Amino acid sequence: MNRDHSEDPQRQRLRERLEAILLRTAKSTSWHDEAGHLRTLVNHEGFVPVRTRLASEDLDFLAEARDDLLTFAELGLRLLDLHQPRDAGGITSDAAHPILRCRSCMWRWPCPTFRAMAESFCAEHLPTTRELSA
């Protein structure tokens, strides 16, 4: 009675978005060394004199962004693996749609963790892994 429930579309879209972020970030080049070089160009006003105004805070962000985003996307995927639906095993009048609970926190599905992740990551502008490989 506690067999796994098939992947729901919202959860699949969330996984695809997190995997796309992870793939795109892994393919990118770290700005760590470039940020160090650009830091030497910061003028007395605190900006790098190029077409765009780069503050030292911008360089700090660029230097660490790739590693931070890789870690963040991996965390999202791990949380998604932890928080997934399972059949609650109770008696229901609708056998085709059993009551589901989160495998990790046992809240009714979708659990608060999954809902927060879906609200944060399921923005329409983020490409999926299928869109990136096309």
Protein backbone atom coordinates (compact mmCIF):
# COMPACT_ATOMS: atom_id res chain seq x y z
CA MET A 1 0.00 0.00 0.00
CA ASN A 2 3.00 2.34 0.50
CA ARG A 3 4.21 2.09 -3.08
CA ASP A 4 5.82 5.12 -4.68
CA HIS A 5 3.54 7.59 -6.41
CA SER A 6 4.44 8.49 -9.99
CA GLU A 7 6.26 11.76 -10.58
CA ASP A 8 3.86 14.69 -10.67
CA PRO A 9 4.36 17.34 -13.40
CA GLN A 10 5.09 20.24 -11.02
CA ARG A 11 7.79 18.24 -9.24
CA GLN A 12 9.29 17.17 -12.58
CA ARG A 13 9.38 20.81 -13.81
CA LEU A 14 11.09 21.87 -10.58
CA ARG A 15 13.71 19.12 -10.98
CA GLU A 16 14.31 20.14 -14.61
CA ARG A 17 14.76 23.80 -13.63
CA LEU A 18 17.25 22.95 -10.87
CA GLU A 19 19.15 20.62 -13.19
CA ALA A 20 19.22 23.35 -15.86
CA ILE A 21 20.65 25.83 -13.35
CA LEU A 22 23.24 23.25 -12.32
CA LEU A 23 24.19 22.46 -15.96
CA ARG A 24 24.39 26.10 -17.00
CA THR A 25 26.48 26.97 -13.96
CA ALA A 26 28.80 24.01 -14.37
CA LYS A 27 29.47 25.06 -18.00
CA SER A 28 30.25 28.64 -17.00
CA THR A 29 33.68 29.99 -16.24
CA SER A 30 34.53 31.13 -12.76
CA TRP A 31 35.18 34.85 -12.40
CA HIS A 32 37.42 34.31 -9.40
CA ASP A 33 40.70 35.15 -11.16
CA GLU A 34 39.16 37.86 -13.36
CA ALA A 35 37.59 39.56 -10.34
CA GLY A 36 41.01 39.65 -8.70
CA HIS A 37 42.47 41.35 -11.79
CA LEU A 38 39.55 43.78 -12.09
CA ARG A 39 39.90 44.66 -8.41
CA THR A 40 43.27 46.27 -9.20
CA LEU A 41 41.42 48.61 -11.60
CA VAL A 42 39.03 50.03 -8.96
CA ASN A 43 39.39 53.83 -8.99
CA HIS A 44 39.23 56.28 -6.05
CA GLU A 45 35.42 56.41 -6.41
CA GLY A 46 35.25 52.65 -5.81
CA PHE A 47 34.39 51.57 -9.37
CA VAL A 48 36.18 49.88 -12.26
CA PRO A 49 36.26 52.43 -15.11
CA VAL A 50 34.67 50.37 -17.88
CA ARG A 51 31.39 50.82 -19.76
CA THR A 52 29.54 49.50 -16.77
CA ARG A 53 30.23 50.60 -13.24
CA LEU A 54 31.55 47.66 -11.25
CA ALA A 55 31.72 48.28 -7.53
CA SER A 56 33.98 46.17 -5.36
CA GLU A 57 30.82 44.43 -4.08
CA ASP A 58 30.05 43.45 -7.70
CA LEU A 59 33.51 41.92 -8.01
CA ASP A 60 33.04 40.03 -4.74
CA PHE A 61 29.78 38.64 -6.09
CA LEU A 62 31.24 37.71 -9.48
CA ALA A 63 34.23 36.01 -7.88
CA GLU A 64 32.06 33.64 -5.83
CA ALA A 65 28.81 33.44 -7.85
CA ARG A 66 29.59 30.26 -9.79
CA ASP A 67 30.58 28.24 -6.72
CA ASP A 68 27.68 29.63 -4.69
CA LEU A 69 25.16 28.82 -7.42
CA LEU A 70 26.49 25.27 -7.88
CA THR A 71 26.15 24.67 -4.16
CA PHE A 72 22.69 26.22 -4.07
CA ALA A 73 21.38 24.17 -7.02
CA GLU A 74 22.79 20.97 -5.51
CA LEU A 75 21.03 21.81 -2.23
CA GLY A 76 17.76 22.31 -4.12
CA LEU A 77 18.08 18.92 -5.82
CA ARG A 78 18.88 17.22 -2.51
CA LEU A 79 15.86 18.84 -0.86
CA LEU A 80 13.71 17.77 -3.80
CA ASP A 81 14.93 14.18 -3.36
CA LEU A 82 14.07 14.31 0.34
CA HIS A 83 10.65 15.93 -0.03
CA GLN A 84 8.62 13.79 -2.39
CA PRO A 85 5.14 12.30 -2.21
CA ARG A 86 4.25 8.85 -1.00
CA ASP A 87 0.98 7.06 -0.47
CA ALA A 88 -0.19 7.70 3.08
CA GLY A 89 -1.67 4.22 3.20
CA GLY A 90 -5.06 5.25 4.53
CA ILE A 91 -8.47 4.15 3.39
CA THR A 92 -9.91 6.45 0.74
CA SER A 93 -13.07 6.49 -1.32
CA ASP A 94 -11.06 7.46 -4.43
CA ALA A 95 -8.47 4.74 -5.05
CA ALA A 96 -7.22 6.54 -8.18
CA HIS A 97 -6.19 9.57 -6.10
CA PRO A 98 -4.84 8.32 -2.76
CA ILE A 99 -3.99 10.65 0.09
CA LEU A 100 -0.31 11.56 -0.21
CA ARG A 101 2.18 12.58 2.45
CA CYS A 102 5.74 13.83 2.17
CA ARG A 103 8.24 11.02 2.47
CA SER A 104 10.52 13.16 4.65
CA CYS A 105 8.43 15.42 6.88
CA MET A 106 5.12 13.48 6.65
CA TRP A 107 3.06 16.63 6.02
CA ARG A 108 0.19 16.27 3.62
CA TRP A 109 1.43 16.56 0.01
CA PRO A 110 2.52 19.01 -1.23
CA CYS A 111 4.46 19.73 1.95
CA PRO A 112 5.48 23.29 2.94
CA THR A 113 9.09 22.68 1.85
CA PHE A 114 8.08 21.58 -1.64
CA ARG A 115 5.57 24.45 -1.97
CA ALA A 116 8.25 27.00 -1.00
CA MET A 117 10.70 25.51 -3.50
CA ALA A 118 8.08 25.43 -6.27
CA GLU A 119 7.13 29.07 -5.63
CA SER A 120 10.79 30.14 -5.66
CA PHE A 121 12.16 28.13 -8.58
CA CYS A 122 9.25 27.62 -10.97
CA ALA A 123 9.44 31.04 -12.58
CA GLU A 124 8.47 30.78 -16.23
CA HIS A 125 11.63 32.51 -17.50
CA LEU A 126 13.99 29.74 -16.35
CA PRO A 127 14.85 27.25 -19.11
CA THR A 128 14.55 23.49 -18.51
CA THR A 129 17.24 20.92 -19.31
CA ARG A 130 15.32 20.01 -22.49
CA GLU A 131 15.37 23.64 -23.65
CA LEU A 132 19.10 23.95 -22.97
CA SER A 133 19.97 20.82 -24.95
CA ALA A 134 17.84 21.86 -27.96
